[in-house]
Amino acid sequence: EGDIICVFSQYGEVVNINLVRDKKTGKSKGFCFLCYEDQRSTILAVDNFNGIKIKGRTIRVDHVANYRPPKDSDDLDEVTKTLREKGCGVKTPPHTSSDSLSEDDSPPVKKQKGSVCS
């Protein structure tokens, strides 16, 4: 986890990481979920890390729409508990017919938390 955080923190503050491990052996399965403090960092990481080689392995980095954190751990810090309750990915509101914008209107801009899968 430390190496991943070190590499990915060059694009922003990493607030959570879930390195997926085999339950029996404890070894990494080769992928993780990473949450940045803001969406801008997520976009930078996806744009700059997807397809690069790290330690001889080409990595895939992409956005996660519906991340569900594991529920098997009871020993969680407050940040992790909050992220699991509120979520970490971009929340896209459902489109309704009354949501149409005129050419002069612009949609509201909100700072969203981002998630990255590598």
PDB file of N, CA and C in Angstrom:
ATOM      1  N   GLU A   1       0.811  -1.196   0.000  1.00  0.00           N
ATOM      2  CA  GLU A   1       0.000   0.000   0.000  1.00  0.00           C
ATOM      3  C   GLU A   1       0.857   1.264   0.000  1.00  0.00           C
ATOM      4  N   GLY A   2       1.933   1.248   0.775  1.00  0.00           N
ATOM      5  CA  GLY A   2       2.799   2.420   0.866  1.00  0.00           C
ATOM      6  C   GLY A   2       3.414   2.806  -0.457  1.00  0.00           C
ATOM      7  N   ASP A   3       3.866   1.830  -1.232  1.00  0.00           N
ATOM      8  CA  ASP A   3       4.459   2.122  -2.539  1.00  0.00           C
ATOM      9  C   ASP A   3       3.422   2.712  -3.492  1.00  0.00           C
ATOM     10  N   ILE A   4       2.218   2.167  -3.462  1.00  0.00           N
ATOM     11  CA  ILE A   4       1.154   2.669  -4.340  1.00  0.00           C
ATOM     12  C   ILE A   4       0.799   4.100  -3.964  1.00  0.00           C
ATOM     13  N   ILE A   5       0.647   4.354  -2.674  1.00  0.00           N
ATOM     14  CA  ILE A   5       0.328   5.703  -2.212  1.00  0.00           C
ATOM     15  C   ILE A   5       1.432   6.674  -2.603  1.00  0.00           C
ATOM     16  N   CYS A   6       2.679   6.249  -2.461  1.00  0.00           N
ATOM     17  CA  CYS A   6       3.814   7.100  -2.810  1.00  0.00           C
ATOM     18  C   CYS A   6       3.772   7.501  -4.283  1.00  0.00           C
ATOM     19  N   VAL A   7       3.518   6.554  -5.155  1.00  0.00           N
ATOM     20  CA  VAL A   7       3.479   6.835  -6.591  1.00  0.00           C
ATOM     21  C   VAL A   7       2.274   7.701  -6.944  1.00  0.00           C
ATOM     22  N   PHE A   8       1.103   7.326  -6.451  1.00  0.00           N
ATOM     23  CA  PHE A   8      -0.126   8.020  -6.839  1.00  0.00           C
ATOM     24  C   PHE A   8      -0.303   9.369  -6.152  1.00  0.00           C
ATOM     25  N   SER A   9       0.410   9.621  -5.057  1.00  0.00           N
ATOM     26  CA  SER A   9       0.242  10.893  -4.351  1.00  0.00           C
ATOM     27  C   SER A   9       0.846  12.075  -5.095  1.00  0.00           C
ATOM     28  N   GLN A  10       1.587  11.822  -6.171  1.00  0.00           N
ATOM     29  CA  GLN A  10       2.118  12.955  -6.929  1.00  0.00           C
ATOM     30  C   GLN A  10       1.017  13.757  -7.626  1.00  0.00           C
ATOM     31  N   TYR A  11      -0.192  13.199  -7.724  1.00  0.00           N
ATOM     32  CA  TYR A  11      -1.299  13.928  -8.355  1.00  0.00           C
ATOM     33  C   TYR A  11      -2.346  14.412  -7.353  1.00  0.00           C
ATOM     34  N   GLY A  12      -2.148  14.149  -6.074  1.00  0.00           N
ATOM     35  CA  GLY A  12      -3.103  14.650  -5.089  1.00  0.00           C
ATOM     36  C   GLY A  12      -3.069  13.845  -3.813  1.00  0.00           C
ATOM     37  N   GLU A  13      -3.864  14.288  -2.865  1.00  0.00           N
ATOM     38  CA  GLU A  13      -3.932  13.655  -1.555  1.00  0.00           C
ATOM     39  C   GLU A  13      -4.753  12.371  -1.621  1.00  0.00           C
ATOM     40  N   VAL A  14      -4.107  11.249  -1.313  1.00  0.00           N
ATOM     41  CA  VAL A  14      -4.784   9.962  -1.267  1.00  0.00           C
ATOM     42  C   VAL A  14      -5.444   9.834   0.099  1.00  0.00           C
ATOM     43  N   VAL A  15      -6.775   9.631   0.113  1.00  0.00           N
ATOM     44  CA  VAL A  15      -7.476   9.549   1.387  1.00  0.00           C
ATOM     45  C   VAL A  15      -7.836   8.121   1.771  1.00  0.00           C
ATOM     46  N   ASN A  16      -7.810   7.197   0.810  1.00  0.00           N
ATOM     47  CA  ASN A  16      -8.117   5.814   1.138  1.00  0.00           C
ATOM     48  C   ASN A  16      -7.565   4.897   0.065  1.00  0.00           C
ATOM     49  N   ILE A  17      -7.141   3.709   0.481  1.00  0.00           N
ATOM     50  CA  ILE A  17      -6.673   2.682  -0.450  1.00  0.00           C
ATOM     51  C   ILE A  17      -7.191   1.336   0.030  1.00  0.00           C
ATOM     52  N   ASN A  18      -7.622   0.540  -0.926  1.00  0.00           N
ATOM     53  CA  ASN A  18      -8.070  -0.823  -0.632  1.00  0.00           C
ATOM     54  C   ASN A  18      -7.322  -1.747  -1.579  1.00  0.00           C
ATOM     55  N   LEU A  19      -6.219  -2.306  -1.102  1.00  0.00           N
ATOM     56  CA  LEU A  19      -5.446  -3.273  -1.868  1.00  0.00           C
ATOM     57  C   LEU A  19      -6.118  -4.623  -1.680  1.00  0.00           C
ATOM     58  N   VAL A  20      -6.663  -5.160  -2.758  1.00  0.00           N
ATOM     59  CA  VAL A  20      -7.427  -6.401  -2.677  1.00  0.00           C
ATOM     60  C   VAL A  20      -6.466  -7.571  -2.518  1.00  0.00           C
ATOM     61  N   ARG A  21      -6.719  -8.369  -1.482  1.00  0.00           N
ATOM     62  CA  ARG A  21      -5.848  -9.498  -1.146  1.00  0.00           C
ATOM     63  C   ARG A  21      -6.637 -10.810  -1.137  1.00  0.00           C
ATOM     64  N   ASP A  22      -5.907 -11.905  -1.375  1.00  0.00           N
ATOM     65  CA  ASP A  22      -6.475 -13.237  -1.263  1.00  0.00           C
ATOM     66  C   ASP A  22      -6.759 -13.511   0.210  1.00  0.00           C
ATOM     67  N   LYS A  23      -7.954 -13.981   0.532  1.00  0.00           N
ATOM     68  CA  LYS A  23      -8.329 -14.191   1.941  1.00  0.00           C
ATOM     69  C   LYS A  23      -7.506 -15.279   2.609  1.00  0.00           C
ATOM     70  N   LYS A  24      -7.116 -16.293   1.868  1.00  0.00           N
ATOM     71  CA  LYS A  24      -6.365 -17.410   2.456  1.00  0.00           C
ATOM     72  C   LYS A  24      -4.888 -17.099   2.614  1.00  0.00           C
ATOM     73  N   THR A  25      -4.255 -16.546   1.563  1.00  0.00           N
ATOM     74  CA  THR A  25      -2.806 -16.334   1.605  1.00  0.00           C
ATOM     75  C   THR A  25      -2.408 -14.938   2.059  1.00  0.00           C
ATOM     76  N   GLY A  26      -3.303 -13.966   1.906  1.00  0.00           N
ATOM     77  CA  GLY A  26      -2.974 -12.589   2.259  1.00  0.00           C
ATOM     78  C   GLY A  26      -2.180 -11.867   1.185  1.00  0.00           C
ATOM     79  N   LYS A  27      -1.892 -12.549   0.074  1.00  0.00           N
ATOM     80  CA  LYS A  27      -1.138 -11.923  -1.015  1.00  0.00           C
ATOM     81  C   LYS A  27      -2.053 -11.046  -1.862  1.00  0.00           C
ATOM     82  N   SER A  28      -1.467  -9.989  -2.426  1.00  0.00           N
ATOM     83  CA  SER A  28      -2.209  -9.077  -3.284  1.00  0.00           C
ATOM     84  C   SER A  28      -2.714  -9.803  -4.522  1.00  0.00           C
ATOM     85  N   LYS A  29      -3.932  -9.467  -4.930  1.00  0.00           N
ATOM     86  CA  LYS A  29      -4.487 -10.032  -6.157  1.00  0.00           C
ATOM     87  C   LYS A  29      -4.063  -9.233  -7.390  1.00  0.00           C
ATOM     88  N   GLY A  30      -3.330  -8.156  -7.181  1.00  0.00           N
ATOM     89  CA  GLY A  30      -2.801  -7.385  -8.300  1.00  0.00           C
ATOM     90  C   GLY A  30      -3.609  -6.166  -8.683  1.00  0.00           C
ATOM     91  N   PHE A  31      -4.583  -5.792  -7.855  1.00  0.00           N
ATOM     92  CA  PHE A  31      -5.330  -4.567  -8.131  1.00  0.00           C
ATOM     93  C   PHE A  31      -5.778  -3.935  -6.823  1.00  0.00           C
ATOM     94  N   CYS A  32      -6.112  -2.660  -6.917  1.00  0.00           N
ATOM     95  CA  CYS A  32      -6.570  -1.949  -5.725  1.00  0.00           C
ATOM     96  C   CYS A  32      -7.537  -0.858  -6.119  1.00  0.00           C
ATOM     97  N   PHE A  33      -8.179  -0.288  -5.129  1.00  0.00           N
ATOM     98  CA  PHE A  33      -9.052   0.858  -5.297  1.00  0.00           C
ATOM     99  C   PHE A  33      -8.456   1.990  -4.476  1.00  0.00           C
ATOM    100  N   LEU A  34      -8.373   3.155  -5.090  1.00  0.00           N
ATOM    101  CA  LEU A  34      -7.712   4.295  -4.472  1.00  0.00           C
ATOM    102  C   LEU A  34      -8.652   5.485  -4.525  1.00  0.00           C
ATOM    103  N   CYS A  35      -8.740   6.212  -3.437  1.00  0.00           N
ATOM    104  CA  CYS A  35      -9.628   7.366  -3.370  1.00  0.00           C
ATOM    105  C   CYS A  35      -8.811   8.629  -3.126  1.00  0.00           C
ATOM    106  N   TYR A  36      -8.986   9.603  -4.002  1.00  0.00           N
ATOM    107  CA  TYR A  36      -8.340  10.909  -3.840  1.00  0.00           C
ATOM    108  C   TYR A  36      -9.261  11.860  -3.102  1.00  0.00           C
ATOM    109  N   GLU A  37      -8.664  12.922  -2.583  1.00  0.00           N
ATOM    110  CA  GLU A  37      -9.421  13.950  -1.876  1.00  0.00           C
ATOM    111  C   GLU A  37     -10.363  14.704  -2.820  1.00  0.00           C
ATOM    112  N   ASP A  38      -9.964  14.867  -4.082  1.00  0.00           N
ATOM    113  CA  ASP A  38     -10.816  15.601  -5.016  1.00  0.00           C
ATOM    114  C   ASP A  38     -10.810  14.961  -6.409  1.00  0.00           C
ATOM    115  N   GLN A  39     -11.812  15.303  -7.184  1.00  0.00           N
ATOM    116  CA  GLN A  39     -12.004  14.723  -8.514  1.00  0.00           C
ATOM    117  C   GLN A  39     -10.891  15.113  -9.480  1.00  0.00           C
ATOM    118  N   ARG A  40     -10.358  16.304  -9.335  1.00  0.00           N
ATOM    119  CA  ARG A  40      -9.292  16.767 -10.226  1.00  0.00           C
ATOM    120  C   ARG A  40      -8.067  15.850 -10.152  1.00  0.00           C
ATOM    121  N   SER A  41      -7.712  15.432  -8.962  1.00  0.00           N
ATOM    122  CA  SER A  41      -6.588  14.509  -8.779  1.00  0.00           C
ATOM    123  C   SER A  41      -6.870  13.173  -9.454  1.00  0.00           C
ATOM    124  N   THR A  42      -8.105  12.714  -9.335  1.00  0.00           N
ATOM    125  CA  THR A  42      -8.499  11.460  -9.969  1.00  0.00           C
ATOM    126  C   THR A  42      -8.314  11.533 -11.478  1.00  0.00           C
ATOM    127  N   ILE A  43      -8.771  12.605 -12.068  1.00  0.00           N
ATOM    128  CA  ILE A  43      -8.662  12.779 -13.520  1.00  0.00           C
ATOM    129  C   ILE A  43      -7.200  12.812 -13.944  1.00  0.00           C
ATOM    130  N   LEU A  44      -6.368  13.540 -13.200  1.00  0.00           N
ATOM    131  CA  LEU A  44      -4.936  13.602 -13.510  1.00  0.00           C
ATOM    132  C   LEU A  44      -4.289  12.222 -13.440  1.00  0.00           C
ATOM    133  N   ALA A  45      -4.618  11.453 -12.410  1.00  0.00           N
ATOM    134  CA  ALA A  45      -4.031  10.115 -12.248  1.00  0.00           C
ATOM    135  C   ALA A  45      -4.453   9.196 -13.386  1.00  0.00           C
ATOM    136  N   VAL A  46      -5.732   9.212 -13.735  1.00  0.00           N
ATOM    137  CA  VAL A  46      -6.215   8.354 -14.821  1.00  0.00           C
ATOM    138  C   VAL A  46      -5.548   8.752 -16.133  1.00  0.00           C
ATOM    139  N   ASP A  47      -5.496  10.037 -16.416  1.00  0.00           N
ATOM    140  CA  ASP A  47      -4.899  10.508 -17.671  1.00  0.00           C
ATOM    141  C   ASP A  47      -3.413  10.207 -17.771  1.00  0.00           C
ATOM    142  N   ASN A  48      -2.699  10.269 -16.654  1.00  0.00           N
ATOM    143  CA  ASN A  48      -1.243  10.137 -16.701  1.00  0.00           C
ATOM    144  C   ASN A  48      -0.710   8.736 -16.373  1.00  0.00           C
ATOM    145  N   PHE A  49      -1.465   7.922 -15.660  1.00  0.00           N
ATOM    146  CA  PHE A  49      -0.959   6.604 -15.265  1.00  0.00           C
ATOM    147  C   PHE A  49      -1.483   5.453 -16.108  1.00  0.00           C
ATOM    148  N   ASN A  50      -2.621   5.615 -16.749  1.00  0.00           N
ATOM    149  CA  ASN A  50      -3.195   4.501 -17.496  1.00  0.00           C
ATOM    150  C   ASN A  50      -2.267   4.095 -18.642  1.00  0.00           C
ATOM    151  N   GLY A  51      -1.850   2.830 -18.620  1.00  0.00           N
ATOM    152  CA  GLY A  51      -1.009   2.289 -19.685  1.00  0.00           C
ATOM    153  C   GLY A  51       0.487   2.402 -19.473  1.00  0.00           C
ATOM    154  N   ILE A  52       0.935   3.022 -18.367  1.00  0.00           N
ATOM    155  CA  ILE A  52       2.382   3.128 -18.142  1.00  0.00           C
ATOM    156  C   ILE A  52       2.912   1.839 -17.510  1.00  0.00           C
ATOM    157  N   LYS A  53       4.233   1.676 -17.563  1.00  0.00           N
ATOM    158  CA  LYS A  53       4.863   0.514 -16.939  1.00  0.00           C
ATOM    159  C   LYS A  53       5.489   0.914 -15.616  1.00  0.00           C
ATOM    160  N   ILE A  54       5.188   0.133 -14.590  1.00  0.00           N
ATOM    161  CA  ILE A  54       5.803   0.303 -13.274  1.00  0.00           C
ATOM    162  C   ILE A  54       6.367  -1.055 -12.880  1.00  0.00           C
ATOM    163  N   LYS A  55       7.661  -1.088 -12.613  1.00  0.00           N
ATOM    164  CA  LYS A  55       8.352  -2.326 -12.250  1.00  0.00           C
ATOM    165  C   LYS A  55       8.079  -3.448 -13.255  1.00  0.00           C
ATOM    166  N   GLY A  56       8.093  -3.086 -14.543  1.00  0.00           N
ATOM    167  CA  GLY A  56       7.939  -4.074 -15.606  1.00  0.00           C
ATOM    168  C   GLY A  56       6.516  -4.497 -15.903  1.00  0.00           C
ATOM    169  N   ARG A  57       5.535  -3.918 -15.209  1.00  0.00           N
ATOM    170  CA  ARG A  57       4.127  -4.275 -15.441  1.00  0.00           C
ATOM    171  C   ARG A  57       3.367  -3.073 -15.964  1.00  0.00           C
ATOM    172  N   THR A  58       2.610  -3.285 -17.027  1.00  0.00           N
ATOM    173  CA  THR A  58       1.743  -2.235 -17.541  1.00  0.00           C
ATOM    174  C   THR A  58       0.512  -2.172 -16.646  1.00  0.00           C
ATOM    175  N   ILE A  59       0.213  -0.970 -16.161  1.00  0.00           N
ATOM    176  CA  ILE A  59      -0.932  -0.837 -15.259  1.00  0.00           C
ATOM    177  C   ILE A  59      -2.119  -0.214 -15.973  1.00  0.00           C
ATOM    178  N   ARG A  60      -3.287  -0.550 -15.486  1.00  0.00           N
ATOM    179  CA  ARG A  60      -4.526   0.038 -15.991  1.00  0.00           C
ATOM    180  C   ARG A  60      -5.115   0.884 -14.874  1.00  0.00           C
ATOM    181  N   VAL A  61      -5.426   2.118 -15.175  1.00  0.00           N
ATOM    182  CA  VAL A  61      -6.002   3.035 -14.189  1.00  0.00           C
ATOM    183  C   VAL A  61      -7.271   3.610 -14.797  1.00  0.00           C
ATOM    184  N   ASP A  62      -8.365   3.505 -14.069  1.00  0.00           N
ATOM    185  CA  ASP A  62      -9.644   3.957 -14.609  1.00  0.00           C
ATOM    186  C   ASP A  62     -10.550   4.432 -13.480  1.00  0.00           C
ATOM    187  N   HIS A  63     -11.636   5.088 -13.857  1.00  0.00           N
ATOM    188  CA  HIS A  63     -12.627   5.541 -12.887  1.00  0.00           C
ATOM    189  C   HIS A  63     -13.526   4.371 -12.495  1.00  0.00           C
ATOM    190  N   VAL A  64     -14.032   4.410 -11.282  1.00  0.00           N
ATOM    191  CA  VAL A  64     -14.959   3.387 -10.801  1.00  0.00           C
ATOM    192  C   VAL A  64     -16.293   4.069 -10.532  1.00  0.00           C
ATOM    193  N   ALA A  65     -17.354   3.558 -11.147  1.00  0.00           N
ATOM    194  CA  ALA A  65     -18.667   4.183 -10.978  1.00  0.00           C
ATOM    195  C   ALA A  65     -19.373   3.718  -9.702  1.00  0.00           C
ATOM    196  N   ASN A  66     -19.379   2.437  -9.442  1.00  0.00           N
ATOM    197  CA  ASN A  66     -20.138   1.905  -8.309  1.00  0.00           C
ATOM    198  C   ASN A  66     -19.254   1.046  -7.416  1.00  0.00           C
ATOM    199  N   TYR A  67     -18.347   1.676  -6.725  1.00  0.00           N
ATOM    200  CA  TYR A  67     -17.437   0.953  -5.835  1.00  0.00           C
ATOM    201  C   TYR A  67     -18.157   0.561  -4.557  1.00  0.00           C
ATOM    202  N   ARG A  68     -18.059  -0.713  -4.193  1.00  0.00           N
ATOM    203  CA  ARG A  68     -18.603  -1.202  -2.931  1.00  0.00           C
ATOM    204  C   ARG A  68     -17.443  -1.692  -2.082  1.00  0.00           C
ATOM    205  N   PRO A  69     -17.143  -1.005  -0.980  1.00  0.00           N
ATOM    206  CA  PRO A  69     -16.023  -1.416  -0.133  1.00  0.00           C
ATOM    207  C   PRO A  69     -16.310  -2.726   0.577  1.00  0.00           C
ATOM    208  N   PRO A  70     -15.251  -3.457   0.980  1.00  0.00           N
ATOM    209  CA  PRO A  70     -15.464  -4.708   1.700  1.00  0.00           C
ATOM    210  C   PRO A  70     -16.110  -4.448   3.056  1.00  0.00           C
ATOM    211  N   LYS A  71     -16.862  -5.436   3.535  1.00  0.00           N
ATOM    212  CA  LYS A  71     -17.565  -5.265   4.808  1.00  0.00           C
ATOM    213  C   LYS A  71     -17.037  -6.207   5.883  1.00  0.00           C
ATOM    214  N   ASP A  72     -15.866  -6.794   5.657  1.00  0.00           N
ATOM    215  CA  ASP A  72     -15.372  -7.814   6.568  1.00  0.00           C
ATOM    216  C   ASP A  72     -14.445  -7.301   7.661  1.00  0.00           C
ATOM    217  N   SER A  73     -14.177  -6.008   7.717  1.00  0.00           N
ATOM    218  CA  SER A  73     -13.243  -5.493   8.712  1.00  0.00           C
ATOM    219  C   SER A  73     -13.979  -4.697   9.790  1.00  0.00           C
ATOM    220  N   ASP A  74     -13.713  -5.005  11.045  1.00  0.00           N
ATOM    221  CA  ASP A  74     -14.323  -4.284  12.159  1.00  0.00           C
ATOM    222  C   ASP A  74     -13.419  -3.189  12.714  1.00  0.00           C
ATOM    223  N   ASP A  75     -12.119  -3.281  12.448  1.00  0.00           N
ATOM    224  CA  ASP A  75     -11.139  -2.343  12.985  1.00  0.00           C
ATOM    225  C   ASP A  75     -10.853  -1.245  11.963  1.00  0.00           C
ATOM    226  N   LEU A  76     -11.716  -0.228  11.913  1.00  0.00           N
ATOM    227  CA  LEU A  76     -11.598   0.838  10.919  1.00  0.00           C
ATOM    228  C   LEU A  76     -11.360   2.179  11.591  1.00  0.00           C
ATOM    229  N   ASP A  77     -10.546   3.024  10.931  1.00  0.00           N
ATOM    230  CA  ASP A  77     -10.356   4.379  11.434  1.00  0.00           C
ATOM    231  C   ASP A  77     -11.543   5.239  11.013  1.00  0.00           C
ATOM    232  N   GLU A  78     -11.642   6.448  11.566  1.00  0.00           N
ATOM    233  CA  GLU A  78     -12.789   7.318  11.310  1.00  0.00           C
ATOM    234  C   GLU A  78     -12.902   7.735   9.840  1.00  0.00           C
ATOM    235  N   VAL A  79     -11.780   8.002   9.173  1.00  0.00           N
ATOM    236  CA  VAL A  79     -11.809   8.407   7.761  1.00  0.00           C
ATOM    237  C   VAL A  79     -12.392   7.290   6.912  1.00  0.00           C
ATOM    238  N   THR A  80     -11.942   6.063   7.147  1.00  0.00           N
ATOM    239  CA  THR A  80     -12.430   4.923   6.381  1.00  0.00           C
ATOM    240  C   THR A  80     -13.916   4.693   6.640  1.00  0.00           C
ATOM    241  N   LYS A  81     -14.349   4.824   7.893  1.00  0.00           N
ATOM    242  CA  LYS A  81     -15.771   4.665   8.209  1.00  0.00           C
ATOM    243  C   LYS A  81     -16.612   5.693   7.457  1.00  0.00           C
ATOM    244  N   THR A  82     -16.163   6.947   7.455  1.00  0.00           N
ATOM    245  CA  THR A  82     -16.891   8.014   6.764  1.00  0.00           C
ATOM    246  C   THR A  82     -16.954   7.746   5.270  1.00  0.00           C
ATOM    247  N   LEU A  83     -15.821   7.332   4.671  1.00  0.00           N
ATOM    248  CA  LEU A  83     -15.805   7.047   3.235  1.00  0.00           C
ATOM    249  C   LEU A  83     -16.736   5.899   2.885  1.00  0.00           C
ATOM    250  N   ARG A  84     -16.811   4.913   3.734  1.00  0.00           N
ATOM    251  CA  ARG A  84     -17.686   3.770   3.460  1.00  0.00           C
ATOM    252  C   ARG A  84     -19.159   4.152   3.600  1.00  0.00           C
ATOM    253  N   GLU A  85     -19.457   5.086   4.491  1.00  0.00           N
ATOM    254  CA  GLU A  85     -20.840   5.525   4.663  1.00  0.00           C
ATOM    255  C   GLU A  85     -21.281   6.452   3.536  1.00  0.00           C
ATOM    256  N   LYS A  86     -20.436   7.437   3.207  1.00  0.00           N
ATOM    257  CA  LYS A  86     -20.805   8.455   2.231  1.00  0.00           C
ATOM    258  C   LYS A  86     -20.361   8.121   0.811  1.00  0.00           C
ATOM    259  N   GLY A  87     -19.382   7.238   0.681  1.00  0.00           N
ATOM    260  CA  GLY A  87     -18.881   6.892  -0.642  1.00  0.00           C
ATOM    261  C   GLY A  87     -17.712   7.762  -1.037  1.00  0.00           C
ATOM    262  N   CYS A  88     -17.077   7.361  -2.110  1.00  0.00           N
ATOM    263  CA  CYS A  88     -15.872   8.041  -2.540  1.00  0.00           C
ATOM    264  C   CYS A  88     -15.918   8.412  -4.013  1.00  0.00           C
ATOM    265  N   GLY A  89     -16.820   7.833  -4.746  1.00  0.00           N
ATOM    266  CA  GLY A  89     -16.887   8.072  -6.186  1.00  0.00           C
ATOM    267  C   GLY A  89     -17.715   9.291  -6.522  1.00  0.00           C
ATOM    268  N   VAL A  90     -17.677   9.646  -7.781  1.00  0.00           N
ATOM    269  CA  VAL A  90     -18.461  10.765  -8.285  1.00  0.00           C
ATOM    270  C   VAL A  90     -19.929  10.379  -8.263  1.00  0.00           C
ATOM    271  N   LYS A  91     -20.752  11.241  -7.721  1.00  0.00           N
ATOM    272  CA  LYS A  91     -22.182  10.991  -7.686  1.00  0.00           C
ATOM    273  C   LYS A  91     -22.825  11.736  -8.852  1.00  0.00           C
ATOM    274  N   THR A  92     -23.423  11.013  -9.774  1.00  0.00           N
ATOM    275  CA  THR A  92     -24.083  11.613 -10.917  1.00  0.00           C
ATOM    276  C   THR A  92     -25.579  11.558 -10.674  1.00  0.00           C
ATOM    277  N   PRO A  93     -26.235  12.721 -10.596  1.00  0.00           N
ATOM    278  CA  PRO A  93     -27.677  12.706 -10.350  1.00  0.00           C
ATOM    279  C   PRO A  93     -28.416  12.154 -11.568  1.00  0.00           C
ATOM    280  N   PRO A  94     -29.562  11.510 -11.349  1.00  0.00           N
ATOM    281  CA  PRO A  94     -30.319  10.992 -12.481  1.00  0.00           C
ATOM    282  C   PRO A  94     -30.846  12.134 -13.337  1.00  0.00           C
ATOM    283  N   HIS A  95     -30.891  11.914 -14.648  1.00  0.00           N
ATOM    284  CA  HIS A  95     -31.351  12.937 -15.583  1.00  0.00           C
ATOM    285  C   HIS A  95     -32.871  12.953 -15.605  1.00  0.00           C
ATOM    286  N   THR A  96     -33.455  14.135 -15.490  1.00  0.00           N
ATOM    287  CA  THR A  96     -34.898  14.276 -15.599  1.00  0.00           C
ATOM    288  C   THR A  96     -35.213  15.255 -16.704  1.00  0.00           C
ATOM    289  N   SER A  97     -36.439  15.246 -17.181  1.00  0.00           N
ATOM    290  CA  SER A  97     -36.823  16.119 -18.283  1.00  0.00           C
ATOM    291  C   SER A  97     -36.793  17.589 -17.883  1.00  0.00           C
ATOM    292  N   SER A  98     -36.917  17.898 -16.602  1.00  0.00           N
ATOM    293  CA  SER A  98     -36.895  19.290 -16.141  1.00  0.00           C
ATOM    294  C   SER A  98     -35.476  19.813 -15.951  1.00  0.00           C
ATOM    295  N   ASP A  99     -34.473  18.987 -16.235  1.00  0.00           N
ATOM    296  CA  ASP A  99     -33.080  19.388 -16.055  1.00  0.00           C
ATOM    297  C   ASP A  99     -32.489  20.081 -17.270  1.00  0.00           C
ATOM    298  N   SER A 100     -33.269  20.392 -18.275  1.00  0.00           N
ATOM    299  CA  SER A 100     -32.704  20.981 -19.488  1.00  0.00           C
ATOM    300  C   SER A 100     -32.198  22.388 -19.199  1.00  0.00           C
ATOM    301  N   LEU A 101     -31.074  22.723 -19.799  1.00  0.00           N
ATOM    302  CA  LEU A 101     -30.444  24.021 -19.602  1.00  0.00           C
ATOM    303  C   LEU A 101     -30.521  24.830 -20.886  1.00  0.00           C
ATOM    304  N   SER A 102     -30.717  26.126 -20.753  1.00  0.00           N
ATOM    305  CA  SER A 102     -30.654  26.970 -21.936  1.00  0.00           C
ATOM    306  C   SER A 102     -29.193  27.222 -22.270  1.00  0.00           C
ATOM    307  N   GLU A 103     -28.936  27.827 -23.425  1.00  0.00           N
ATOM    308  CA  GLU A 103     -27.556  28.057 -23.848  1.00  0.00           C
ATOM    309  C   GLU A 103     -26.818  28.998 -22.908  1.00  0.00           C
ATOM    310  N   ASP A 104     -27.540  29.896 -22.233  1.00  0.00           N
ATOM    311  CA  ASP A 104     -26.899  30.856 -21.335  1.00  0.00           C
ATOM    312  C   ASP A 104     -26.662  30.287 -19.944  1.00  0.00           C
ATOM    313  N   ASP A 105     -27.343  29.204 -19.588  1.00  0.00           N
ATOM    314  CA  ASP A 105     -27.191  28.596 -18.270  1.00  0.00           C
ATOM    315  C   ASP A 105     -26.000  27.661 -18.266  1.00  0.00           C
ATOM    316  N   SER A 106     -25.387  27.552 -17.121  1.00  0.00           N
ATOM    317  CA  SER A 106     -24.316  26.573 -16.978  1.00  0.00           C
ATOM    318  C   SER A 106     -24.641  25.712 -15.773  1.00  0.00           C
ATOM    319  N   PRO A 107     -24.268  24.437 -15.837  1.00  0.00           N
ATOM    320  CA  PRO A 107     -24.579  23.563 -14.703  1.00  0.00           C
ATOM    321  C   PRO A 107     -23.780  23.955 -13.476  1.00  0.00           C
ATOM    322  N   PRO A 108     -24.315  23.701 -12.285  1.00  0.00           N
ATOM    323  CA  PRO A 108     -23.556  24.020 -11.068  1.00  0.00           C
ATOM    324  C   PRO A 108     -22.325  23.132 -10.983  1.00  0.00           C
ATOM    325  N   VAL A 109     -21.237  23.694 -10.480  1.00  0.00           N
ATOM    326  CA  VAL A 109     -19.992  22.955 -10.360  1.00  0.00           C
ATOM    327  C   VAL A 109     -19.775  22.628  -8.894  1.00  0.00           C
ATOM    328  N   LYS A 110     -19.563  21.338  -8.613  1.00  0.00           N
ATOM    329  CA  LYS A 110     -19.306  20.915  -7.233  1.00  0.00           C
ATOM    330  C   LYS A 110     -17.973  20.200  -7.193  1.00  0.00           C
ATOM    331  N   LYS A 111     -17.284  20.349  -6.088  1.00  0.00           N
ATOM    332  CA  LYS A 111     -16.039  19.621  -5.884  1.00  0.00           C
ATOM    333  C   LYS A 111     -16.404  18.226  -5.399  1.00  0.00           C
ATOM    334  N   GLN A 112     -16.051  17.212  -6.172  1.00  0.00           N
ATOM    335  CA  GLN A 112     -16.422  15.838  -5.853  1.00  0.00           C
ATOM    336  C   GLN A 112     -15.197  15.031  -5.468  1.00  0.00           C
ATOM    337  N   LYS A 113     -15.404  14.036  -4.671  1.00  0.00           N
ATOM    338  CA  LYS A 113     -14.326  13.103  -4.352  1.00  0.00           C
ATOM    339  C   LYS A 113     -14.193  12.149  -5.526  1.00  0.00           C
ATOM    340  N   GLY A 114     -12.992  11.640  -5.751  1.00  0.00           N
ATOM    341  CA  GLY A 114     -12.772  10.741  -6.868  1.00  0.00           C
ATOM    342  C   GLY A 114     -12.276   9.390  -6.427  1.00  0.00           C
ATOM    343  N   SER A 115     -12.405   8.430  -7.295  1.00  0.00           N
ATOM    344  CA  SER A 115     -11.871   7.101  -7.011  1.00  0.00           C
ATOM    345  C   SER A 115     -11.144   6.593  -8.238  1.00  0.00           C
ATOM    346  N   VAL A 116     -10.112   5.857  -7.980  1.00  0.00           N
ATOM    347  CA  VAL A 116      -9.290   5.328  -9.048  1.00  0.00           C
ATOM    348  C   VAL A 116      -9.104   3.848  -8.827  1.00  0.00           C
ATOM    349  N   CYS A 117      -9.140   3.123  -9.869  1.00  0.00           N
ATOM    350  CA  CYS A 117      -8.883   1.688  -9.792  1.00  0.00           C
ATOM    351  C   CYS A 117      -7.623   1.391 -10.576  1.00  0.00           C
ATOM    352  N   SER A 118      -6.690   0.720  -9.984  1.00  0.00           N
ATOM    353  CA  SER A 118      -5.482   0.376 -10.725  1.00  0.00           C
ATOM    354  C   SER A 118      -5.229  -1.097 -10.652  1.00  0.00           C
TER     355      SER A 118
END
